[in-house]
Amino acid sequence: MAMATMAAVLVTAKATADDPPGERWPAEKAWQWHRSQPWLAGCNFLPSTAVNDVEMWQPDTFDLPTVERELGWARNLGFNTVRVFLNYVVWEADADGLRQRFQTFLATADKLGLRTMPVLFDDCNFAGRVAASGPQPNPAPGIHNSQWVSSPPPKMVDDRAAWPGLERYVKDFVRAFGQDRRVLVWDLYNEPGNGTGERSRPLVEAAFAWAREMKPLQPLTVGVWADFNSHFSRQMMELSDIVSFHAYDGLDGLKTKVKTCGEFRRPLLCTEWLARGAGSRFESHLPFFKENRIGCYNWGLAAGRTQTYYPWGSPKDAPEPKLWHHDIFRANGAPFKAREVQFIRVTTGQLSANDSSRRRMLVPTAEKFPVAWRYTLEKPAGDWFKPGFDDSRWKKGAAPFGKKDSAIARHPNTAWFGSDLWLRREFELPSGPYTSLELLMHYDEDAVVYLNGVLAVKAGGYSASYECFDIAPEALAALRPGKNVFAVHCCQTIGGQYLDLGLEGSAP
């Protein structure tokens, strides 16, 4: 749905004495709140040094320097909000301390222009154990989110005798921060029923009632995540002031979920998304969210102890995946994909289109139109990679080369099914100067690239998308304005195969 652009003011629709406690916001109030916000774009946040939300918030492991540094990365992306999980067992052990640490977190995020969506309950339990305060286990190598625990512990979900403590927890937090403009939305319960089924429904209803007794300024929501047309999912949407949902689907699946959620005629927030291997990617999804003014929170910022860059179901001791599942940065701040970060910053408005245009495609890949190469499937003479080599007897074909794989956007123009592929291409390099030159390549697998006969890049393994590679200084020195030659050898051993490449550069 098309919406007029609104000023990025940080105000919240106010509760008044006329608003009875325990009732859902009228639709107009929800839309008034929505119109007062900028387009909301952010991430689910856990510092890279925390293995779960217990470790994040306990006094001995609350890592403020890392929180501040990594929230700064979020802001530099152009994000204006983060979603964070709290855990009941931390509150139970140290309620005053947890409130103080959350206050510190709010102040840190606010200083950077980030508003916070807290999550109070959560049925997700990747660890399969009962949450407990105290030191947390180290992650199991290679396993996605191996120590994530639910909140509250599973037995408390349908044990009414345990609910007085849960009620005090909800009311304590909403009372303490329900009038705080730094809190954007209350997400009362993450993925209710994930492992508990219908047992969680009464606690969802109770959480709404407890929170509404505190008459917060902020809207309340619980995100639908499975079978959007089930009675339980529709009840969650009917209870929520604004409708929120999870979508780890490709773009068509996302649009279907938006259509279903839109039936409730409320503002929408997608509180979890980004699963690159499933087609849930920044390049396809972020513009859709922005165009339709749907707030969005991808899962993960910095890869760390949660190991959510591994896919769901990854086995123990799995190697780092070539295509990350979630997350954007490594723990040292290096991006998983530099082009992806640039795309996010342009889409959020953090980087202007003019600034972005300083980085341009100098030697095109075939992403937008076919590019002709000379190629052979038979091993050529020893000097095949040198500029003067005669490749006139080689075949001529359009990149990309390889096998089709729509799931990761592989659509070759020239089929390649053998084990080895040799390519050559003469290209014109525009006159500089350039502050940087990088090879842009999508390959599978084991690619060796020469520029003017000099080894430029040797890339092992494979990539599942176009990635930037640093060019060896000797090869950079061999480049010159005018005619130059690419020569490439790609060796495929198992699975998919694909090859396309070009050059990107930045002007001063």
Protein backbone atom coordinates (compact mmCIF):
# COMPACT_ATOMS: atom_id res chain seq x y z
CA MET A 1 0.00 0.00 0.00
CA ALA A 2 1.32 3.42 -0.89
CA MET A 3 1.94 5.80 1.97
CA ALA A 4 2.97 9.45 2.02
CA THR A 5 6.49 10.04 3.29
CA MET A 6 6.43 11.16 6.92
CA ALA A 7 9.02 13.13 8.87
CA ALA A 8 11.24 10.95 11.01
CA VAL A 9 9.90 12.21 14.32
CA LEU A 10 10.26 10.05 17.37
CA VAL A 11 6.86 10.44 18.98
CA THR A 12 4.37 7.90 20.21
CA ALA A 13 0.57 7.90 20.21
CA LYS A 14 -0.31 8.79 23.80
CA ALA A 15 -2.50 6.81 26.13
CA THR A 16 -5.12 8.91 27.89
CA ALA A 17 -7.39 8.54 30.88
CA ASP A 18 -10.20 7.76 28.44
CA ASP A 19 -8.44 4.63 27.17
CA PRO A 20 -9.75 1.72 29.25
CA PRO A 21 -7.08 -0.76 30.38
CA GLY A 22 -7.14 -4.22 28.87
CA GLU A 23 -8.47 -3.20 25.46
CA ARG A 24 -6.85 -3.23 22.07
CA TRP A 25 -6.03 0.10 20.46
CA PRO A 26 -8.64 1.34 18.00
CA ALA A 27 -7.43 1.04 14.41
CA GLU A 28 -7.19 4.82 13.99
CA LYS A 29 -4.90 5.09 17.00
CA ALA A 30 -2.67 2.36 15.53
CA TRP A 31 -2.48 4.25 12.21
CA GLN A 32 -1.82 7.52 14.03
CA TRP A 33 1.13 5.85 15.74
CA HIS A 34 2.33 4.46 12.41
CA ARG A 35 2.14 7.85 10.68
CA SER A 36 4.23 9.41 13.44
CA GLN A 37 7.17 7.05 12.79
CA PRO A 38 9.83 7.04 10.10
CA TRP A 39 10.04 3.89 8.02
CA LEU A 40 11.31 1.46 10.64
CA ALA A 41 14.32 -0.60 9.58
CA GLY A 42 16.50 -2.53 11.99
CA CYS A 43 17.72 -5.88 13.21
CA ASN A 44 17.33 -8.39 15.97
CA PHE A 45 20.25 -7.56 18.22
CA LEU A 46 22.46 -9.66 20.46
CA PRO A 47 26.11 -8.70 20.97
CA SER A 48 28.58 -11.09 19.37
CA THR A 49 29.95 -11.97 22.82
CA ALA A 50 26.62 -13.38 24.12
CA VAL A 51 25.51 -16.95 23.43
CA ASN A 52 21.89 -16.23 24.38
CA ASP A 53 19.70 -13.61 26.07
CA VAL A 54 20.62 -14.89 29.53
CA GLU A 55 24.31 -14.23 28.92
CA MET A 56 23.51 -10.87 27.32
CA TRP A 57 21.77 -9.47 30.42
CA GLN A 58 23.54 -11.02 33.42
CA PRO A 59 25.79 -8.64 35.41
CA ASP A 60 29.02 -10.57 34.84
CA THR A 61 28.53 -10.86 31.07
CA PHE A 62 26.67 -7.66 30.16
CA ASP A 63 29.25 -6.39 27.66
CA LEU A 64 28.54 -2.68 27.25
CA PRO A 65 31.63 -1.84 25.13
CA THR A 66 30.64 -4.50 22.57
CA VAL A 67 26.99 -3.44 22.70
CA GLU A 68 27.93 0.18 22.01
CA ARG A 69 30.38 -0.69 19.24
CA GLU A 70 28.00 -3.04 17.43
CA LEU A 71 24.97 -0.78 17.81
CA GLY A 72 27.14 1.82 16.09
CA TRP A 73 27.45 -0.54 13.14
CA ALA A 74 23.66 -0.83 13.04
CA ARG A 75 23.30 2.92 12.99
CA ASN A 76 25.91 3.23 10.24
CA LEU A 77 23.73 0.95 8.12
CA GLY A 78 20.93 3.48 8.47
CA PHE A 79 18.96 1.36 10.94
CA ASN A 80 16.78 3.26 13.41
CA THR A 81 15.54 0.46 15.66
CA VAL A 82 16.58 -2.86 17.21
CA ARG A 83 14.62 -5.78 18.65
CA VAL A 84 16.09 -7.34 21.80
CA PHE A 85 15.14 -10.39 23.86
CA LEU A 86 14.89 -10.33 27.65
CA ASN A 87 14.69 -13.50 29.73
CA TYR A 88 12.51 -14.18 32.75
CA VAL A 89 15.19 -16.14 34.62
CA VAL A 90 17.52 -13.09 34.65
CA TRP A 91 14.71 -10.95 36.09
CA GLU A 92 13.87 -13.64 38.64
CA ALA A 93 17.49 -13.72 39.85
CA ASP A 94 18.12 -9.96 39.77
CA ALA A 95 15.10 -7.82 38.87
CA ASP A 96 16.61 -4.49 39.92
CA GLY A 97 19.88 -5.21 38.13
CA LEU A 98 18.14 -6.25 34.92
CA ARG A 99 16.10 -3.04 34.89
CA GLN A 100 19.27 -1.02 35.40
CA ARG A 101 21.10 -2.82 32.60
CA PHE A 102 18.13 -2.41 30.28
CA GLN A 103 18.09 1.28 31.16
CA THR A 104 21.77 1.45 30.19
CA PHE A 105 21.02 -0.35 26.93
CA LEU A 106 18.20 2.09 26.12
CA ALA A 107 20.46 5.06 26.77
CA THR A 108 23.21 3.61 24.57
CA ALA A 109 20.82 2.84 21.72
CA ASP A 110 19.07 6.20 22.01
CA LYS A 111 22.38 8.05 21.83
CA LEU A 112 22.87 6.40 18.45
CA GLY A 113 19.35 7.17 17.23
CA LEU A 114 18.02 3.63 17.74
CA ARG A 115 14.71 2.84 19.41
CA THR A 116 14.18 -0.51 21.07
CA MET A 117 11.55 -3.25 20.80
CA PRO A 118 11.84 -5.54 23.85
CA VAL A 119 10.64 -9.15 23.73
CA LEU A 120 9.45 -10.52 27.10
CA PHE A 121 8.49 -14.17 26.48
CA ASP A 122 9.85 -16.64 23.91
CA ASP A 123 9.06 -20.30 23.18
CA CYS A 124 12.12 -20.87 20.95
CA ASN A 125 14.51 -23.32 22.60
CA PHE A 126 17.27 -24.44 20.24
CA ALA A 127 19.29 -25.71 23.22
CA GLY A 128 16.47 -28.03 24.34
CA ARG A 129 17.12 -27.30 28.01
CA VAL A 130 15.70 -25.25 30.86
CA ALA A 131 16.96 -21.69 31.07
CA ALA A 132 18.92 -20.98 34.23
CA SER A 133 20.85 -18.00 35.52
CA GLY A 134 24.58 -18.28 35.98
CA PRO A 135 27.38 -19.10 33.53
CA GLN A 136 26.10 -20.24 30.15
CA PRO A 137 27.57 -23.13 28.12
CA ASN A 138 29.82 -22.34 25.20
CA PRO A 139 28.31 -22.78 21.74
CA ALA A 140 28.52 -26.19 20.11
CA PRO A 141 30.84 -25.64 17.11
CA GLY A 142 29.06 -25.39 13.80
CA ILE A 143 25.52 -25.50 15.21
CA HIS A 144 23.00 -22.70 14.68
CA ASN A 145 22.01 -20.96 17.94
CA SER A 146 23.04 -23.99 19.98
CA GLN A 147 22.53 -22.44 23.43
CA TRP A 148 19.34 -20.43 22.86
CA VAL A 149 16.81 -21.05 25.66
CA SER A 150 13.16 -20.13 26.08
CA SER A 151 11.61 -17.57 28.42
CA PRO A 152 10.09 -18.61 30.77
CA PRO A 153 11.22 -22.23 31.25
CA PRO A 154 8.78 -24.52 29.39
CA LYS A 155 7.09 -26.00 32.48
CA MET A 156 5.98 -22.53 33.59
CA VAL A 157 4.07 -21.85 30.37
CA ASP A 158 0.94 -23.77 31.40
CA ASP A 159 1.55 -24.03 35.15
CA ARG A 160 -0.91 -21.50 36.54
CA ALA A 161 0.75 -21.76 39.98
CA ALA A 162 3.87 -20.20 38.40
CA TRP A 163 2.01 -17.34 36.74
CA PRO A 164 2.13 -14.84 39.61
CA GLY A 165 5.87 -14.53 39.00
CA LEU A 166 5.33 -14.14 35.26
CA GLU A 167 2.68 -11.49 35.88
CA ARG A 168 5.04 -9.53 38.16
CA TYR A 169 7.76 -9.75 35.46
CA VAL A 170 5.56 -8.37 32.69
CA LYS A 171 4.05 -5.64 34.84
CA ASP A 172 7.41 -4.68 36.34
CA PHE A 173 8.95 -4.03 32.90
CA VAL A 174 5.95 -2.38 31.32
CA ARG A 175 5.43 -0.22 34.41
CA ALA A 176 9.11 0.80 34.42
CA PHE A 177 9.40 1.57 30.69
CA GLY A 178 5.86 1.90 29.40
CA GLN A 179 6.08 5.72 29.33
CA ASP A 180 9.63 5.78 27.90
CA ARG A 181 9.84 7.13 24.34
CA ARG A 182 13.02 5.09 23.78
CA VAL A 183 10.88 1.94 23.81
CA LEU A 184 9.17 1.70 20.44
CA VAL A 185 6.89 -1.37 20.70
CA TRP A 186 6.33 -4.18 23.20
CA ASP A 187 6.69 -7.61 21.58
CA LEU A 188 5.17 -9.65 24.36
CA TYR A 189 5.86 -13.18 23.15
CA ASN A 190 8.19 -14.51 20.44
CA GLU A 191 6.91 -17.49 18.44
CA PRO A 192 4.38 -18.78 20.96
CA GLY A 193 3.68 -22.44 20.40
CA ASN A 194 7.14 -23.21 18.96
CA GLY A 195 7.58 -26.56 20.72
CA THR A 196 4.61 -25.99 23.04
CA GLY A 197 1.70 -25.78 20.61
CA GLU A 198 -1.67 -24.64 21.94
CA ARG A 199 -0.35 -24.80 25.52
CA SER A 200 1.01 -21.28 25.06
CA ARG A 201 -2.27 -19.65 24.05
CA PRO A 202 -3.50 -18.82 27.59
CA LEU A 203 -0.16 -17.21 28.48
CA VAL A 204 -0.30 -15.10 25.31
CA GLU A 205 -3.76 -13.85 26.33
CA ALA A 206 -2.58 -13.21 29.88
CA ALA A 207 0.51 -11.32 28.72
CA PHE A 208 -1.68 -8.89 26.74
CA ALA A 209 -3.97 -8.37 29.74
CA TRP A 210 -1.07 -7.82 32.19
CA ALA A 211 0.70 -5.38 29.89
CA ARG A 212 -2.47 -3.42 29.15
CA GLU A 213 -3.17 -2.94 32.85
CA MET A 214 -0.03 -0.79 32.90
CA LYS A 215 -1.46 1.46 30.11
CA PRO A 216 1.81 1.82 28.14
CA LEU A 217 2.25 4.57 25.56
CA GLN A 218 3.60 2.03 23.11
CA PRO A 219 1.63 -0.48 21.04
CA LEU A 220 1.60 -4.17 21.96
CA THR A 221 2.11 -7.03 19.54
CA VAL A 222 2.83 -10.74 19.24
CA GLY A 223 4.17 -11.88 15.86
CA VAL A 224 2.60 -14.69 13.86
CA TRP A 225 5.19 -17.11 12.57
CA ALA A 226 3.52 -20.38 11.45
CA ASP A 227 0.26 -21.20 9.63
CA PHE A 228 -1.00 -17.64 9.39
CA ASN A 229 -4.57 -18.84 8.86
CA SER A 230 -4.76 -21.00 11.99
CA HIS A 231 -7.08 -19.93 14.80
CA PHE A 232 -4.11 -19.29 17.13
CA SER A 233 -2.28 -17.10 14.59
CA ARG A 234 -5.39 -15.09 13.77
CA GLN A 235 -6.07 -14.63 17.48
CA MET A 236 -2.55 -13.17 17.90
CA MET A 237 -3.26 -10.68 15.14
CA GLU A 238 -6.66 -9.83 16.63
CA LEU A 239 -5.08 -9.11 20.04
CA SER A 240 -2.22 -6.98 18.68
CA ASP A 241 -2.38 -3.19 18.38
CA ILE A 242 -0.14 -3.44 15.32
CA VAL A 243 0.25 -6.71 13.42
CA SER A 244 3.70 -8.30 13.38
CA PHE A 245 4.94 -11.43 11.65
CA HIS A 246 8.00 -13.49 10.71
CA ALA A 247 8.91 -14.23 7.09
CA TYR A 248 11.98 -16.27 6.19
CA ASP A 249 10.55 -16.83 2.70
CA GLY A 250 11.44 -15.68 -0.77
CA LEU A 251 9.74 -12.54 -2.05
CA ASP A 252 6.59 -14.32 -3.28
CA GLY A 253 6.13 -15.97 0.13
CA LEU A 254 6.66 -12.64 1.86
CA LYS A 255 4.01 -11.00 -0.30
CA THR A 256 1.53 -13.78 0.52
CA LYS A 257 2.09 -13.27 4.25
CA VAL A 258 1.72 -9.50 3.92
CA LYS A 259 -1.60 -10.02 2.13
CA THR A 260 -2.88 -12.25 4.94
CA CYS A 261 -1.72 -9.89 7.69
CA GLY A 262 -3.16 -6.94 5.80
CA GLU A 263 -6.66 -8.36 6.22
CA PHE A 264 -6.61 -6.99 9.78
CA ARG A 265 -6.17 -3.43 8.46
CA ARG A 266 -3.44 -2.52 10.92
CA PRO A 267 0.14 -1.28 10.46
CA LEU A 268 2.58 -4.12 9.80
CA LEU A 269 5.99 -5.03 11.21
CA CYS A 270 8.09 -7.96 10.00
CA THR A 271 10.03 -8.69 13.17
CA GLU A 272 12.16 -11.54 11.79
CA TRP A 273 13.44 -12.15 8.28
CA LEU A 274 16.69 -12.85 6.32
CA ALA A 275 17.54 -16.41 5.33
CA ARG A 276 19.80 -15.96 2.33
CA GLY A 277 19.70 -19.58 1.21
CA ALA A 278 15.89 -19.56 1.20
CA GLY A 279 15.76 -16.46 -1.00
CA SER A 280 15.14 -14.00 1.86
CA ARG A 281 17.72 -11.34 1.02
CA PHE A 282 18.34 -7.63 1.40
CA GLU A 283 18.43 -7.03 -2.35
CA SER A 284 14.92 -8.44 -2.86
CA HIS A 285 13.16 -7.74 0.44
CA LEU A 286 14.40 -4.41 1.77
CA PRO A 287 13.03 -2.34 -1.17
CA PHE A 288 9.66 -4.14 -0.81
CA PHE A 289 9.47 -3.30 2.89
CA LYS A 290 10.39 0.31 2.19
CA GLU A 291 7.97 0.74 -0.71
CA ASN A 292 5.09 -0.59 1.38
CA ARG A 293 6.27 1.11 4.57
CA ILE A 294 6.43 -2.12 6.52
CA GLY A 295 8.83 -2.00 9.46
CA CYS A 296 11.43 -4.78 9.27
CA TYR A 297 14.01 -6.43 11.52
CA ASN A 298 16.40 -8.90 9.93
CA TRP A 299 17.82 -11.60 12.18
CA GLY A 300 21.29 -10.83 13.40
CA LEU A 301 23.88 -8.09 13.12
CA ALA A 302 27.32 -9.39 14.12
CA ALA A 303 28.27 -13.06 13.84
CA GLY A 304 29.30 -14.38 17.21
CA ARG A 305 28.50 -16.92 19.88
CA THR A 306 24.97 -17.57 18.64
CA GLN A 307 26.44 -18.81 15.34
CA THR A 308 23.31 -17.85 13.42
CA TYR A 309 25.33 -17.41 10.24
CA TYR A 310 25.07 -21.22 10.08
CA PRO A 311 21.78 -22.50 8.62
CA TRP A 312 19.13 -24.23 10.69
CA GLY A 313 20.06 -27.87 11.17
CA SER A 314 23.78 -27.42 10.55
CA PRO A 315 25.74 -30.39 11.99
CA LYS A 316 28.30 -30.21 14.74
CA ASP A 317 31.73 -29.01 13.56
CA ALA A 318 30.34 -27.81 10.23
CA PRO A 319 32.71 -25.43 8.39
CA GLU A 320 31.72 -21.80 7.98
CA PRO A 321 29.06 -21.71 5.25
CA LYS A 322 29.95 -19.92 2.04
CA LEU A 323 26.50 -18.33 2.08
CA TRP A 324 25.65 -17.00 5.52
CA HIS A 325 22.17 -17.75 6.79
CA HIS A 326 21.71 -14.68 9.04
CA ASP A 327 23.95 -11.80 10.23
CA ILE A 328 25.69 -8.96 8.38
CA PHE A 329 29.12 -8.39 9.96
CA ARG A 330 31.90 -10.48 11.38
CA ALA A 331 32.77 -9.85 15.02
CA ASN A 332 35.64 -7.57 13.90
CA GLY A 333 33.25 -5.36 11.92
CA ALA A 334 34.14 -6.68 8.46
CA PRO A 335 31.01 -7.21 6.36
CA PHE A 336 30.03 -10.65 5.10
CA LYS A 337 29.40 -8.95 1.75
CA ALA A 338 30.58 -5.40 1.10
CA ARG A 339 28.10 -4.88 -1.74
CA GLU A 340 25.25 -5.97 0.54
CA VAL A 341 26.22 -3.39 3.15
CA GLN A 342 26.38 -0.71 0.49
CA PHE A 343 22.92 -1.75 -0.76
CA ILE A 344 21.47 -1.54 2.77
CA ARG A 345 22.96 1.91 3.33
CA VAL A 346 21.61 3.24 0.04
CA THR A 347 18.14 1.78 0.67
CA THR A 348 17.91 3.23 4.18
CA GLY A 349 19.18 6.60 2.95
CA GLN A 350 22.36 6.43 5.01
CA LEU A 351 24.38 6.58 1.78
CA SER A 352 23.15 8.82 -1.01
CA ALA A 353 22.76 7.51 -4.52
CA ASN A 354 25.37 10.06 -5.63
CA ASP A 355 27.90 8.77 -3.10
CA SER A 356 27.09 5.22 -4.09
CA SER A 357 27.62 6.03 -7.76
CA ARG A 358 31.27 6.80 -7.04
CA ARG A 359 31.67 3.05 -6.89
CA ARG A 360 30.86 1.77 -10.35
CA MET A 361 31.17 -1.24 -12.57
CA LEU A 362 34.26 -0.66 -14.70
CA VAL A 363 34.22 -4.04 -16.43
CA PRO A 364 30.64 -5.36 -16.40
CA THR A 365 29.57 -8.75 -15.14
CA ALA A 366 26.59 -10.43 -16.77
CA GLU A 367 24.20 -9.53 -13.94
CA LYS A 368 22.24 -7.17 -16.20
CA PHE A 369 23.14 -8.25 -19.76
CA PRO A 370 25.16 -11.05 -21.43
CA VAL A 371 28.91 -10.52 -21.78
CA ALA A 372 30.89 -12.42 -24.45
CA TRP A 373 33.98 -14.49 -23.54
CA ARG A 374 36.23 -16.91 -25.38
CA TYR A 375 36.16 -20.30 -23.65
CA THR A 376 37.37 -23.88 -23.91
CA LEU A 377 36.67 -27.08 -22.00
CA GLU A 378 39.97 -28.69 -23.08
CA LYS A 379 43.24 -27.91 -21.34
CA PRO A 380 45.02 -25.19 -23.38
CA ALA A 381 48.71 -24.52 -23.96
CA GLY A 382 50.87 -23.37 -21.07
CA ASP A 383 50.83 -19.67 -21.93
CA TRP A 384 46.99 -19.49 -22.26
CA PHE A 385 46.72 -16.78 -19.56
CA LYS A 386 49.15 -14.33 -21.23
CA PRO A 387 47.93 -11.30 -23.20
CA GLY A 388 49.42 -12.37 -26.54
CA PHE A 389 47.93 -15.89 -26.55
CA ASP A 390 45.88 -16.75 -29.69
CA ASP A 391 42.42 -17.81 -28.50
CA SER A 392 40.72 -17.49 -31.92
CA ARG A 393 40.02 -21.26 -32.02
CA TRP A 394 38.26 -21.19 -28.66
CA LYS A 395 34.47 -21.14 -28.60
CA LYS A 396 32.59 -17.91 -28.00
CA GLY A 397 29.82 -17.74 -25.38
CA ALA A 398 27.96 -15.36 -23.14
CA ALA A 399 28.47 -15.31 -19.40
CA PRO A 400 27.43 -16.52 -16.93
CA PHE A 401 28.64 -20.10 -17.52
CA GLY A 402 27.36 -23.08 -15.57
CA LYS A 403 24.26 -24.88 -14.34
CA LYS A 404 20.95 -23.27 -13.45
CA ASP A 405 20.07 -22.95 -9.76
CA SER A 406 17.17 -20.54 -9.23
CA ALA A 407 17.34 -20.79 -5.43
CA ILE A 408 20.55 -18.75 -5.42
CA ALA A 409 19.87 -16.74 -8.59
CA ARG A 410 22.10 -18.73 -10.91
CA HIS A 411 20.84 -18.33 -14.48
CA PRO A 412 23.64 -19.18 -16.95
CA ASN A 413 23.63 -18.02 -20.55
CA THR A 414 26.12 -20.71 -21.56
CA ALA A 415 25.76 -24.25 -20.23
CA TRP A 416 28.88 -25.74 -18.65
CA PHE A 417 28.78 -29.30 -17.34
CA GLY A 418 32.40 -30.43 -17.51
CA SER A 419 35.02 -30.38 -14.78
CA ASP A 420 37.19 -27.51 -16.07
CA LEU A 421 36.51 -24.22 -17.79
CA TRP A 422 39.06 -21.79 -19.23
CA LEU A 423 37.99 -18.24 -20.16
CA ARG A 424 39.59 -15.23 -21.80
CA ARG A 425 38.19 -11.77 -22.37
CA GLU A 426 39.69 -8.54 -23.67
CA PHE A 427 38.27 -5.43 -22.02
CA GLU A 428 38.71 -1.68 -22.00
CA LEU A 429 39.54 -0.10 -18.64
CA PRO A 430 38.31 3.50 -18.43
CA SER A 431 40.80 6.13 -17.38
CA GLY A 432 41.02 6.70 -13.61
CA PRO A 433 42.02 7.68 -11.10
CA TYR A 434 40.40 5.12 -8.75
CA THR A 435 40.75 4.89 -5.00
CA SER A 436 40.15 1.14 -5.19
CA LEU A 437 39.70 -1.65 -7.71
CA GLU A 438 38.16 -5.00 -6.79
CA LEU A 439 37.26 -8.17 -8.63
CA LEU A 440 33.54 -8.96 -8.51
CA MET A 441 32.92 -12.66 -9.00
CA HIS A 442 30.27 -15.37 -8.62
CA TYR A 443 32.04 -18.72 -8.93
CA ASP A 444 31.70 -22.42 -8.22
CA GLU A 445 34.36 -23.57 -7.58
CA ASP A 446 38.14 -23.00 -7.20
CA ALA A 447 38.71 -20.05 -9.52
CA VAL A 448 42.09 -18.62 -10.54
CA VAL A 449 42.03 -15.20 -12.23
CA TYR A 450 44.83 -13.46 -14.15
CA LEU A 451 45.01 -9.84 -15.30
CA ASN A 452 47.40 -9.20 -18.18
CA GLY A 453 49.14 -12.49 -17.41
CA VAL A 454 49.66 -11.72 -13.69
CA LEU A 455 47.94 -13.75 -10.96
CA ALA A 456 45.23 -11.47 -9.53
CA VAL A 457 42.94 -13.66 -7.41
CA LYS A 458 43.01 -17.30 -6.30
CA ALA A 459 39.63 -18.17 -4.74
CA GLY A 460 39.10 -21.59 -3.18
CA GLY A 461 35.72 -23.16 -2.47
CA TYR A 462 32.77 -21.38 -4.03
CA SER A 463 30.46 -18.40 -3.66
CA ALA A 464 26.68 -18.41 -3.81
CA SER A 465 26.41 -14.82 -5.02
CA TYR A 466 28.57 -12.02 -6.42
CA GLU A 467 31.35 -11.16 -3.98
CA CYS A 468 34.25 -8.71 -3.99
CA PHE A 469 37.84 -9.95 -3.95
CA ASP A 470 41.03 -7.98 -3.36
CA ILE A 471 43.36 -7.98 -6.37
CA ALA A 472 47.03 -8.80 -5.83
CA PRO A 473 49.20 -5.63 -5.94
CA GLU A 474 51.28 -7.05 -8.80
CA ALA A 475 48.15 -7.52 -10.92
CA LEU A 476 46.91 -4.03 -10.09
CA ALA A 477 50.25 -2.68 -11.26
CA ALA A 478 49.86 -4.55 -14.56
CA LEU A 479 46.51 -2.87 -15.35
CA ARG A 480 46.49 0.16 -17.61
CA PRO A 481 43.90 2.43 -19.26
CA GLY A 482 42.74 0.94 -22.54
CA LYS A 483 43.00 -2.73 -23.53
CA ASN A 484 43.56 -5.42 -20.89
CA VAL A 485 42.98 -9.16 -20.71
CA PHE A 486 41.15 -11.38 -18.22
CA ALA A 487 42.14 -15.06 -18.14
CA VAL A 488 40.35 -17.46 -15.79
CA HIS A 489 40.46 -21.13 -14.89
CA CYS A 490 37.57 -22.61 -12.89
CA CYS A 491 37.64 -26.23 -11.68
CA GLN A 492 34.42 -27.92 -10.58
CA THR A 493 34.50 -31.11 -8.49
CA ILE A 494 31.08 -31.59 -6.87
CA GLY A 495 27.64 -29.96 -6.74
CA GLY A 496 26.77 -26.81 -8.64
CA GLN A 497 28.98 -24.90 -11.04
CA TYR A 498 28.97 -21.28 -12.16
CA LEU A 499 31.27 -18.48 -13.29
CA ASP A 500 30.97 -14.78 -14.02
CA LEU A 501 33.20 -11.86 -13.11
CA GLY A 502 34.02 -8.21 -13.69
CA LEU A 503 35.76 -5.22 -12.07
CA GLU A 504 34.40 -2.58 -9.70
CA GLY A 505 36.12 0.67 -8.77
CA SER A 506 35.67 3.76 -6.64
CA ALA A 507 36.41 7.27 -7.84
CA PRO A 508 37.98 9.79 -5.42
